[in-house]
Amino acid sequence: MHPSFDKDREEVIGNAKEAGVVALIITGTDIEASLKAASYIDRNPDAPCKLFYTAGIHPHEAKTWDNASRNALMGLGKNAVAIGECGLDYVRDYSPRPLQRHCFEKQLELAAELNLPLFLHERGAFADFAAMLKDSMAKVPGAVVHCFTGDEGELETYLDMGCHIGITGWICDERRGQQLRALASKIPSHRLLLETDAPFLIPRDLPQKSGQRNEPKYLPHIADVVAHHQNKDPMEVAEESYINTLEFFNIIDKF
């Protein structure tokens, strides 16, 4: 629901379908965005792709958390496929760190109460993030570390806790993605989720692209790059991550 899609959202969804993407999970980053996603899906039951949404408050917006936020997420969670995007971000610090931890803790509790998986964000906050998450993993059906960019030790910690790992176009970046490329083969096939993080993180190695806005239609390209660094066939990676997605978000019966 990012404003960059306001003028051509239906075209973007159609282009994704043409590229072979059959479903979109729209990320909720605050109450407004989560409500917009839920409303848009209600108004478009016949969209070219099946549409789902997550409901959450990004750590950048943690300073907005209050009782009304919890009540809103409780209502949204009845039809959401996950709680999040939530977590900690000590790189940008758009919200004070104590407020980030409080907001994250409350969403961990909410996910457990609603029996929903977690869609997670972590930047520069691994120690606090992992400690808080570890205590909650037994209480939720699952957790995916969205847009993983960490090191091998962090990857092993997340896998040991039972987390799924989300890979974006970061792996397509020859400058910043080298570490992730080296770790790709260490991600078990049943724990891998592929994502675009559109409109952000457009793959730098796309043969053709217009502007810097990422779109869901580029998901097959990300699958190809992951497959290359896992020494697998791209269709194998696509099929595995597809099944993982259906199972993780509990949407198998929607297909």
C-alpha atoms as a PDB file:
ATOM      1  CA  MET A   1       0.000   0.000   0.000  1.00  0.00           C
ATOM      2  CA  HIS A   2       3.013   2.288  -0.389  1.00  0.00           C
ATOM      3  CA  PRO A   3       2.124   5.639  -2.022  1.00  0.00           C
ATOM      4  CA  SER A   4       4.407   4.843  -4.957  1.00  0.00           C
ATOM      5  CA  PHE A   5       1.754   2.353  -6.104  1.00  0.00           C
ATOM      6  CA  ASP A   6      -1.226   4.693  -5.782  1.00  0.00           C
ATOM      7  CA  LYS A   7      -1.391   5.507  -9.488  1.00  0.00           C
ATOM      8  CA  ASP A   8      -1.003   1.983 -10.901  1.00  0.00           C
ATOM      9  CA  ARG A   9      -1.683  -0.566  -8.150  1.00  0.00           C
ATOM     10  CA  GLU A  10      -3.973  -2.710 -10.333  1.00  0.00           C
ATOM     11  CA  GLU A  11      -1.416  -2.714 -13.159  1.00  0.00           C
ATOM     12  CA  VAL A  12       1.316  -3.769 -10.735  1.00  0.00           C
ATOM     13  CA  ILE A  13      -0.793  -6.721  -9.584  1.00  0.00           C
ATOM     14  CA  GLY A  14      -1.551  -7.669 -13.180  1.00  0.00           C
ATOM     15  CA  ASN A  15       2.131  -7.541 -14.095  1.00  0.00           C
ATOM     16  CA  ALA A  16       2.934  -9.783 -11.142  1.00  0.00           C
ATOM     17  CA  LYS A  17       0.394 -12.334 -12.343  1.00  0.00           C
ATOM     18  CA  GLU A  18       1.878 -12.275 -15.852  1.00  0.00           C
ATOM     19  CA  ALA A  19       5.316 -12.939 -14.354  1.00  0.00           C
ATOM     20  CA  GLY A  20       4.027 -16.074 -12.627  1.00  0.00           C
ATOM     21  CA  VAL A  21       3.306 -14.677  -9.173  1.00  0.00           C
ATOM     22  CA  VAL A  22      -0.047 -16.055  -8.025  1.00  0.00           C
ATOM     23  CA  ALA A  23      -0.443 -14.334  -4.657  1.00  0.00           C
ATOM     24  CA  LEU A  24       0.695 -11.206  -2.851  1.00  0.00           C
ATOM     25  CA  ILE A  25       1.113 -10.732   0.882  1.00  0.00           C
ATOM     26  CA  ILE A  26       0.773  -7.020   1.574  1.00  0.00           C
ATOM     27  CA  THR A  27       2.913  -5.870   4.479  1.00  0.00           C
ATOM     28  CA  GLY A  28       1.383  -3.851   7.300  1.00  0.00           C
ATOM     29  CA  THR A  29       3.909  -1.362   8.661  1.00  0.00           C
ATOM     30  CA  ASP A  30       1.609   0.652  10.914  1.00  0.00           C
ATOM     31  CA  ILE A  31      -2.079   0.766  11.791  1.00  0.00           C
ATOM     32  CA  GLU A  32      -3.003   2.943   8.824  1.00  0.00           C
ATOM     33  CA  ALA A  33      -1.155   0.764   6.306  1.00  0.00           C
ATOM     34  CA  SER A  34      -2.618  -2.414   7.800  1.00  0.00           C
ATOM     35  CA  LEU A  35      -6.144  -1.000   7.636  1.00  0.00           C
ATOM     36  CA  LYS A  36      -5.589   0.149   4.049  1.00  0.00           C
ATOM     37  CA  ALA A  37      -4.402  -3.318   3.076  1.00  0.00           C
ATOM     38  CA  ALA A  38      -7.399  -5.015   4.667  1.00  0.00           C
ATOM     39  CA  SER A  39      -9.784  -2.550   3.019  1.00  0.00           C
ATOM     40  CA  TYR A  40      -8.154  -2.898  -0.393  1.00  0.00           C
ATOM     41  CA  ILE A  41      -8.414  -6.690  -0.264  1.00  0.00           C
ATOM     42  CA  ASP A  42     -12.082  -6.498   0.727  1.00  0.00           C
ATOM     43  CA  ARG A  43     -12.781  -4.227  -2.243  1.00  0.00           C
ATOM     44  CA  ASN A  44     -10.904  -6.408  -4.737  1.00  0.00           C
ATOM     45  CA  PRO A  45     -12.008 -10.015  -4.312  1.00  0.00           C
ATOM     46  CA  ASP A  46     -11.390 -10.714  -8.003  1.00  0.00           C
ATOM     47  CA  ALA A  47      -7.859  -9.286  -8.244  1.00  0.00           C
ATOM     48  CA  PRO A  48      -5.550 -11.150 -10.683  1.00  0.00           C
ATOM     49  CA  CYS A  49      -3.475 -12.408  -7.746  1.00  0.00           C
ATOM     50  CA  LYS A  50      -4.852 -13.711  -4.474  1.00  0.00           C
ATOM     51  CA  LEU A  51      -4.294 -11.024  -1.848  1.00  0.00           C
ATOM     52  CA  PHE A  52      -3.393 -11.391   1.822  1.00  0.00           C
ATOM     53  CA  TYR A  53      -2.031  -8.986   4.424  1.00  0.00           C
ATOM     54  CA  THR A  54       0.008  -8.807   7.594  1.00  0.00           C
ATOM     55  CA  ALA A  55      -0.891  -6.441  10.427  1.00  0.00           C
ATOM     56  CA  GLY A  56       1.752  -4.787  12.540  1.00  0.00           C
ATOM     57  CA  ILE A  57       3.778  -1.784  13.607  1.00  0.00           C
ATOM     58  CA  HIS A  58       7.291  -1.424  12.204  1.00  0.00           C
ATOM     59  CA  PRO A  59       9.988  -0.451  14.733  1.00  0.00           C
ATOM     60  CA  HIS A  60      10.303   2.915  12.984  1.00  0.00           C
ATOM     61  CA  GLU A  61       6.719   3.590  14.083  1.00  0.00           C
ATOM     62  CA  ALA A  62       7.050   2.114  17.583  1.00  0.00           C
ATOM     63  CA  LYS A  63       6.585   5.527  19.167  1.00  0.00           C
ATOM     64  CA  THR A  64       2.951   5.430  18.014  1.00  0.00           C
ATOM     65  CA  TRP A  65       2.092   2.358  20.110  1.00  0.00           C
ATOM     66  CA  ASP A  66      -0.758   2.726  22.608  1.00  0.00           C
ATOM     67  CA  ASN A  67      -3.807   0.777  23.765  1.00  0.00           C
ATOM     68  CA  ALA A  68      -5.678   1.826  20.653  1.00  0.00           C
ATOM     69  CA  SER A  69      -2.938   0.261  18.558  1.00  0.00           C
ATOM     70  CA  ARG A  70      -3.350  -3.027  20.342  1.00  0.00           C
ATOM     71  CA  ASN A  71      -7.109  -2.968  19.898  1.00  0.00           C
ATOM     72  CA  ALA A  72      -6.749  -2.160  16.211  1.00  0.00           C
ATOM     73  CA  LEU A  73      -4.251  -4.983  15.651  1.00  0.00           C
ATOM     74  CA  MET A  74      -6.474  -7.372  17.563  1.00  0.00           C
ATOM     75  CA  GLY A  75      -9.296  -6.619  15.151  1.00  0.00           C
ATOM     76  CA  LEU A  76      -7.063  -6.737  12.080  1.00  0.00           C
ATOM     77  CA  GLY A  77      -5.480  -9.968  13.210  1.00  0.00           C
ATOM     78  CA  LYS A  78      -8.714 -11.889  12.715  1.00  0.00           C
ATOM     79  CA  ASN A  79      -8.116 -11.824   8.951  1.00  0.00           C
ATOM     80  CA  ALA A  80      -4.347 -11.219   8.776  1.00  0.00           C
ATOM     81  CA  VAL A  81      -1.876 -13.979   7.936  1.00  0.00           C
ATOM     82  CA  ALA A  82       0.806 -12.723  10.347  1.00  0.00           C
ATOM     83  CA  ILE A  83       1.620 -10.092  12.948  1.00  0.00           C
ATOM     84  CA  GLY A  84       4.231  -7.656  11.685  1.00  0.00           C
ATOM     85  CA  GLU A  85       6.247  -6.131  10.250  1.00  0.00           C
ATOM     86  CA  CYS A  86       7.558  -5.826  13.795  1.00  0.00           C
ATOM     87  CA  GLY A  87      10.906  -6.000  15.549  1.00  0.00           C
ATOM     88  CA  LEU A  88      13.865  -3.753  16.353  1.00  0.00           C
ATOM     89  CA  ASP A  89      15.921  -1.311  14.274  1.00  0.00           C
ATOM     90  CA  TYR A  90      18.937   0.207  16.015  1.00  0.00           C
ATOM     91  CA  VAL A  91      20.440   1.493  12.771  1.00  0.00           C
ATOM     92  CA  ARG A  92      17.981   4.267  12.052  1.00  0.00           C
ATOM     93  CA  ASP A  93      16.515   4.697  15.550  1.00  0.00           C
ATOM     94  CA  TYR A  94      13.436   6.515  14.250  1.00  0.00           C
ATOM     95  CA  SER A  95      11.786   5.494  17.520  1.00  0.00           C
ATOM     96  CA  PRO A  96      13.623   5.396  20.876  1.00  0.00           C
ATOM     97  CA  ARG A  97      14.983   1.950  21.629  1.00  0.00           C
ATOM     98  CA  PRO A  98      12.994   1.410  24.862  1.00  0.00           C
ATOM     99  CA  LEU A  99       9.798   2.168  22.914  1.00  0.00           C
ATOM    100  CA  GLN A 100      10.883  -0.204  20.155  1.00  0.00           C
ATOM    101  CA  ARG A 101      11.344  -3.008  22.666  1.00  0.00           C
ATOM    102  CA  HIS A 102       7.997  -2.279  24.314  1.00  0.00           C
ATOM    103  CA  CYS A 103       6.156  -2.224  20.987  1.00  0.00           C
ATOM    104  CA  PHE A 104       7.865  -5.437  19.872  1.00  0.00           C
ATOM    105  CA  GLU A 105       7.064  -7.182  23.151  1.00  0.00           C
ATOM    106  CA  LYS A 106       3.394  -6.269  22.854  1.00  0.00           C
ATOM    107  CA  GLN A 107       3.216  -7.614  19.305  1.00  0.00           C
ATOM    108  CA  LEU A 108       4.939 -10.832  20.374  1.00  0.00           C
ATOM    109  CA  GLU A 109       2.231 -11.222  22.991  1.00  0.00           C
ATOM    110  CA  LEU A 110      -0.480 -10.447  20.467  1.00  0.00           C
ATOM    111  CA  ALA A 111       0.809 -13.008  17.960  1.00  0.00           C
ATOM    112  CA  ALA A 112       0.724 -15.656  20.686  1.00  0.00           C
ATOM    113  CA  GLU A 113      -2.793 -14.661  21.693  1.00  0.00           C
ATOM    114  CA  LEU A 114      -4.047 -14.768  18.086  1.00  0.00           C
ATOM    115  CA  ASN A 115      -1.972 -17.856  17.184  1.00  0.00           C
ATOM    116  CA  LEU A 116      -0.428 -16.054  14.209  1.00  0.00           C
ATOM    117  CA  PRO A 117       3.123 -16.252  12.862  1.00  0.00           C
ATOM    118  CA  LEU A 118       5.495 -13.306  13.093  1.00  0.00           C
ATOM    119  CA  PHE A 119       6.815 -11.231  10.198  1.00  0.00           C
ATOM    120  CA  LEU A 120      10.009  -9.766  11.622  1.00  0.00           C
ATOM    121  CA  HIS A 121      12.417  -6.872  11.071  1.00  0.00           C
ATOM    122  CA  GLU A 122      15.886  -6.628  12.644  1.00  0.00           C
ATOM    123  CA  ARG A 123      18.678  -4.178  11.894  1.00  0.00           C
ATOM    124  CA  GLY A 124      21.665  -3.637  14.169  1.00  0.00           C
ATOM    125  CA  ALA A 125      19.783  -5.059  17.150  1.00  0.00           C
ATOM    126  CA  PHE A 126      20.525  -8.769  16.996  1.00  0.00           C
ATOM    127  CA  ALA A 127      21.287  -9.398  20.682  1.00  0.00           C
ATOM    128  CA  ASP A 128      18.135  -7.745  22.050  1.00  0.00           C
ATOM    129  CA  PHE A 129      16.018  -9.018  19.175  1.00  0.00           C
ATOM    130  CA  ALA A 130      17.101 -12.647  19.484  1.00  0.00           C
ATOM    131  CA  ALA A 131      16.691 -12.641  23.266  1.00  0.00           C
ATOM    132  CA  MET A 132      13.141 -11.293  23.050  1.00  0.00           C
ATOM    133  CA  LEU A 133      12.182 -13.596  20.196  1.00  0.00           C
ATOM    134  CA  LYS A 134      13.583 -16.729  21.823  1.00  0.00           C
ATOM    135  CA  ASP A 135      11.140 -16.455  24.706  1.00  0.00           C
ATOM    136  CA  SER A 136       8.207 -16.272  22.290  1.00  0.00           C
ATOM    137  CA  MET A 137       8.990 -18.955  19.715  1.00  0.00           C
ATOM    138  CA  ALA A 138       7.214 -21.707  21.644  1.00  0.00           C
ATOM    139  CA  LYS A 139       4.087 -19.562  21.858  1.00  0.00           C
ATOM    140  CA  VAL A 140       3.595 -18.757  18.148  1.00  0.00           C
ATOM    141  CA  PRO A 141       3.139 -21.028  15.102  1.00  0.00           C
ATOM    142  CA  GLY A 142       6.205 -19.599  13.373  1.00  0.00           C
ATOM    143  CA  ALA A 143       8.409 -16.600  12.635  1.00  0.00           C
ATOM    144  CA  VAL A 144      10.182 -15.360   9.531  1.00  0.00           C
ATOM    145  CA  VAL A 145      13.168 -13.035   9.727  1.00  0.00           C
ATOM    146  CA  HIS A 146      12.212 -10.753   6.858  1.00  0.00           C
ATOM    147  CA  CYS A 147      14.968  -9.565   4.514  1.00  0.00           C
ATOM    148  CA  PHE A 148      17.743 -11.414   6.317  1.00  0.00           C
ATOM    149  CA  THR A 149      21.142  -9.738   5.848  1.00  0.00           C
ATOM    150  CA  GLY A 150      23.028 -11.038   8.878  1.00  0.00           C
ATOM    151  CA  ASP A 151      26.156 -13.123   9.317  1.00  0.00           C
ATOM    152  CA  GLU A 152      26.547 -16.891   9.666  1.00  0.00           C
ATOM    153  CA  GLY A 153      26.267 -16.852  13.443  1.00  0.00           C
ATOM    154  CA  GLU A 154      23.019 -14.931  13.293  1.00  0.00           C
ATOM    155  CA  LEU A 155      21.659 -17.281  10.654  1.00  0.00           C
ATOM    156  CA  GLU A 156      22.482 -20.304  12.789  1.00  0.00           C
ATOM    157  CA  THR A 157      20.820 -18.707  15.811  1.00  0.00           C
ATOM    158  CA  TYR A 158      17.616 -18.033  13.900  1.00  0.00           C
ATOM    159  CA  LEU A 159      17.559 -21.527  12.418  1.00  0.00           C
ATOM    160  CA  ASP A 160      18.179 -23.084  15.835  1.00  0.00           C
ATOM    161  CA  MET A 161      15.195 -21.143  17.171  1.00  0.00           C
ATOM    162  CA  GLY A 162      13.020 -22.510  14.373  1.00  0.00           C
ATOM    163  CA  CYS A 163      12.743 -19.339  12.290  1.00  0.00           C
ATOM    164  CA  HIS A 164      12.179 -19.142   8.569  1.00  0.00           C
ATOM    165  CA  ILE A 165      14.521 -16.920   6.575  1.00  0.00           C
ATOM    166  CA  GLY A 166      13.234 -14.327   4.105  1.00  0.00           C
ATOM    167  CA  ILE A 167      15.483 -13.448   1.167  1.00  0.00           C
ATOM    168  CA  THR A 168      14.936 -10.335  -0.942  1.00  0.00           C
ATOM    169  CA  GLY A 169      16.724  -8.654  -3.825  1.00  0.00           C
ATOM    170  CA  TRP A 170      19.532  -7.857  -1.377  1.00  0.00           C
ATOM    171  CA  ILE A 171      21.135 -11.058  -2.653  1.00  0.00           C
ATOM    172  CA  CYS A 172      21.222  -9.491  -6.148  1.00  0.00           C
ATOM    173  CA  ASP A 173      23.452  -6.634  -4.975  1.00  0.00           C
ATOM    174  CA  GLU A 174      27.083  -7.239  -5.908  1.00  0.00           C
ATOM    175  CA  ARG A 175      28.166  -4.649  -3.327  1.00  0.00           C
ATOM    176  CA  ARG A 176      26.149  -5.430  -0.211  1.00  0.00           C
ATOM    177  CA  GLY A 177      24.958  -8.956  -0.957  1.00  0.00           C
ATOM    178  CA  GLN A 178      28.239 -10.863  -0.967  1.00  0.00           C
ATOM    179  CA  GLN A 179      27.835 -12.234   2.550  1.00  0.00           C
ATOM    180  CA  LEU A 180      24.264 -13.311   1.877  1.00  0.00           C
ATOM    181  CA  ARG A 181      25.296 -15.037  -1.344  1.00  0.00           C
ATOM    182  CA  ALA A 182      27.858 -17.054   0.579  1.00  0.00           C
ATOM    183  CA  LEU A 183      25.234 -18.089   3.145  1.00  0.00           C
ATOM    184  CA  ALA A 184      22.458 -18.972   0.702  1.00  0.00           C
ATOM    185  CA  SER A 185      23.406 -22.642   0.545  1.00  0.00           C
ATOM    186  CA  LYS A 186      23.237 -22.884   4.359  1.00  0.00           C
ATOM    187  CA  ILE A 187      19.513 -22.063   4.446  1.00  0.00           C
ATOM    188  CA  PRO A 188      17.545 -25.340   4.588  1.00  0.00           C
ATOM    189  CA  SER A 189      15.073 -25.675   1.734  1.00  0.00           C
ATOM    190  CA  HIS A 190      12.109 -25.990   4.113  1.00  0.00           C
ATOM    191  CA  ARG A 191      12.981 -22.711   5.879  1.00  0.00           C
ATOM    192  CA  LEU A 192      13.375 -20.423   2.841  1.00  0.00           C
ATOM    193  CA  LEU A 193      10.854 -17.731   1.916  1.00  0.00           C
ATOM    194  CA  LEU A 194      11.353 -15.432  -1.082  1.00  0.00           C
ATOM    195  CA  GLU A 195      10.164 -11.824  -1.062  1.00  0.00           C
ATOM    196  CA  THR A 196      10.619  -8.552  -2.896  1.00  0.00           C
ATOM    197  CA  ASP A 197      10.110  -5.934  -0.139  1.00  0.00           C
ATOM    198  CA  ALA A 198       8.517  -3.833  -2.875  1.00  0.00           C
ATOM    199  CA  PRO A 199       8.788  -0.935  -3.473  1.00  0.00           C
ATOM    200  CA  PHE A 200      12.237  -1.152  -1.851  1.00  0.00           C
ATOM    201  CA  LEU A 201      15.363  -3.169  -2.691  1.00  0.00           C
ATOM    202  CA  ILE A 202      14.932  -3.479  -6.436  1.00  0.00           C
ATOM    203  CA  PRO A 203      17.456  -6.073  -7.672  1.00  0.00           C
ATOM    204  CA  ARG A 204      20.515  -4.216  -8.930  1.00  0.00           C
ATOM    205  CA  ASP A 205      21.297  -6.861 -11.530  1.00  0.00           C
ATOM    206  CA  LEU A 206      18.009  -6.775 -13.420  1.00  0.00           C
ATOM    207  CA  PRO A 207      18.719  -6.766 -17.164  1.00  0.00           C
ATOM    208  CA  GLN A 208      15.917  -4.260 -17.696  1.00  0.00           C
ATOM    209  CA  LYS A 209      14.316  -1.964 -15.174  1.00  0.00           C
ATOM    210  CA  SER A 210      12.639   1.395 -15.243  1.00  0.00           C
ATOM    211  CA  GLY A 211      13.397   3.586 -12.242  1.00  0.00           C
ATOM    212  CA  GLN A 212      14.141   2.293  -8.770  1.00  0.00           C
ATOM    213  CA  ARG A 213      10.713   1.045  -7.698  1.00  0.00           C
ATOM    214  CA  ASN A 214      10.697  -2.632  -6.907  1.00  0.00           C
ATOM    215  CA  GLU A 215       7.635  -4.692  -7.848  1.00  0.00           C
ATOM    216  CA  PRO A 216       6.303  -8.189  -7.125  1.00  0.00           C
ATOM    217  CA  LYS A 217       6.883  -9.116 -10.780  1.00  0.00           C
ATOM    218  CA  TYR A 218      10.603  -9.321 -10.005  1.00  0.00           C
ATOM    219  CA  LEU A 219      10.134 -12.218  -7.579  1.00  0.00           C
ATOM    220  CA  PRO A 220      11.080 -14.868 -10.203  1.00  0.00           C
ATOM    221  CA  HIS A 221      14.367 -13.031 -10.779  1.00  0.00           C
ATOM    222  CA  ILE A 222      15.163 -13.241  -7.063  1.00  0.00           C
ATOM    223  CA  ALA A 223      14.362 -16.965  -7.175  1.00  0.00           C
ATOM    224  CA  ASP A 224      16.802 -17.375 -10.072  1.00  0.00           C
ATOM    225  CA  VAL A 225      19.603 -15.635  -8.182  1.00  0.00           C
ATOM    226  CA  VAL A 226      18.980 -17.631  -5.003  1.00  0.00           C
ATOM    227  CA  ALA A 227      18.976 -20.833  -7.046  1.00  0.00           C
ATOM    228  CA  HIS A 228      22.304 -19.910  -8.614  1.00  0.00           C
ATOM    229  CA  HIS A 229      23.922 -19.451  -5.210  1.00  0.00           C
ATOM    230  CA  GLN A 230      22.357 -22.639  -3.870  1.00  0.00           C
ATOM    231  CA  ASN A 231      23.446 -24.632  -6.947  1.00  0.00           C
ATOM    232  CA  LYS A 232      19.847 -25.618  -7.610  1.00  0.00           C
ATOM    233  CA  ASP A 233      17.411 -25.444 -10.476  1.00  0.00           C
ATOM    234  CA  PRO A 234      15.355 -22.213 -10.288  1.00  0.00           C
ATOM    235  CA  MET A 235      12.062 -24.127 -10.529  1.00  0.00           C
ATOM    236  CA  GLU A 236      13.068 -26.249  -7.550  1.00  0.00           C
ATOM    237  CA  VAL A 237      13.711 -23.150  -5.441  1.00  0.00           C
ATOM    238  CA  ALA A 238      10.476 -21.543  -6.658  1.00  0.00           C
ATOM    239  CA  GLU A 239       8.409 -24.624  -5.819  1.00  0.00           C
ATOM    240  CA  GLU A 240      10.006 -25.122  -2.417  1.00  0.00           C
ATOM    241  CA  SER A 241       9.593 -21.498  -1.349  1.00  0.00           C
ATOM    242  CA  TYR A 242       6.017 -21.478  -2.679  1.00  0.00           C
ATOM    243  CA  ILE A 243       5.033 -24.463  -0.545  1.00  0.00           C
ATOM    244  CA  ASN A 244       6.869 -22.961   2.441  1.00  0.00           C
ATOM    245  CA  THR A 245       4.882 -19.757   2.012  1.00  0.00           C
ATOM    246  CA  LEU A 246       1.527 -21.536   1.881  1.00  0.00           C
ATOM    247  CA  GLU A 247       2.372 -23.562   4.971  1.00  0.00           C
ATOM    248  CA  PHE A 248       3.993 -20.763   6.956  1.00  0.00           C
ATOM    249  CA  PHE A 249       1.107 -18.323   6.473  1.00  0.00           C
ATOM    250  CA  ASN A 250      -1.484 -21.129   6.772  1.00  0.00           C
ATOM    251  CA  ILE A 251      -3.121 -20.323   3.439  1.00  0.00           C
ATOM    252  CA  ILE A 252      -2.968 -23.728   1.747  1.00  0.00           C
ATOM    253  CA  ASP A 253      -6.757 -23.980   1.742  1.00  0.00           C
ATOM    254  CA  LYS A 254      -6.953 -20.727  -0.258  1.00  0.00           C
ATOM    255  CA  PHE A 255      -5.492 -22.424  -3.348  1.00  0.00           C
END
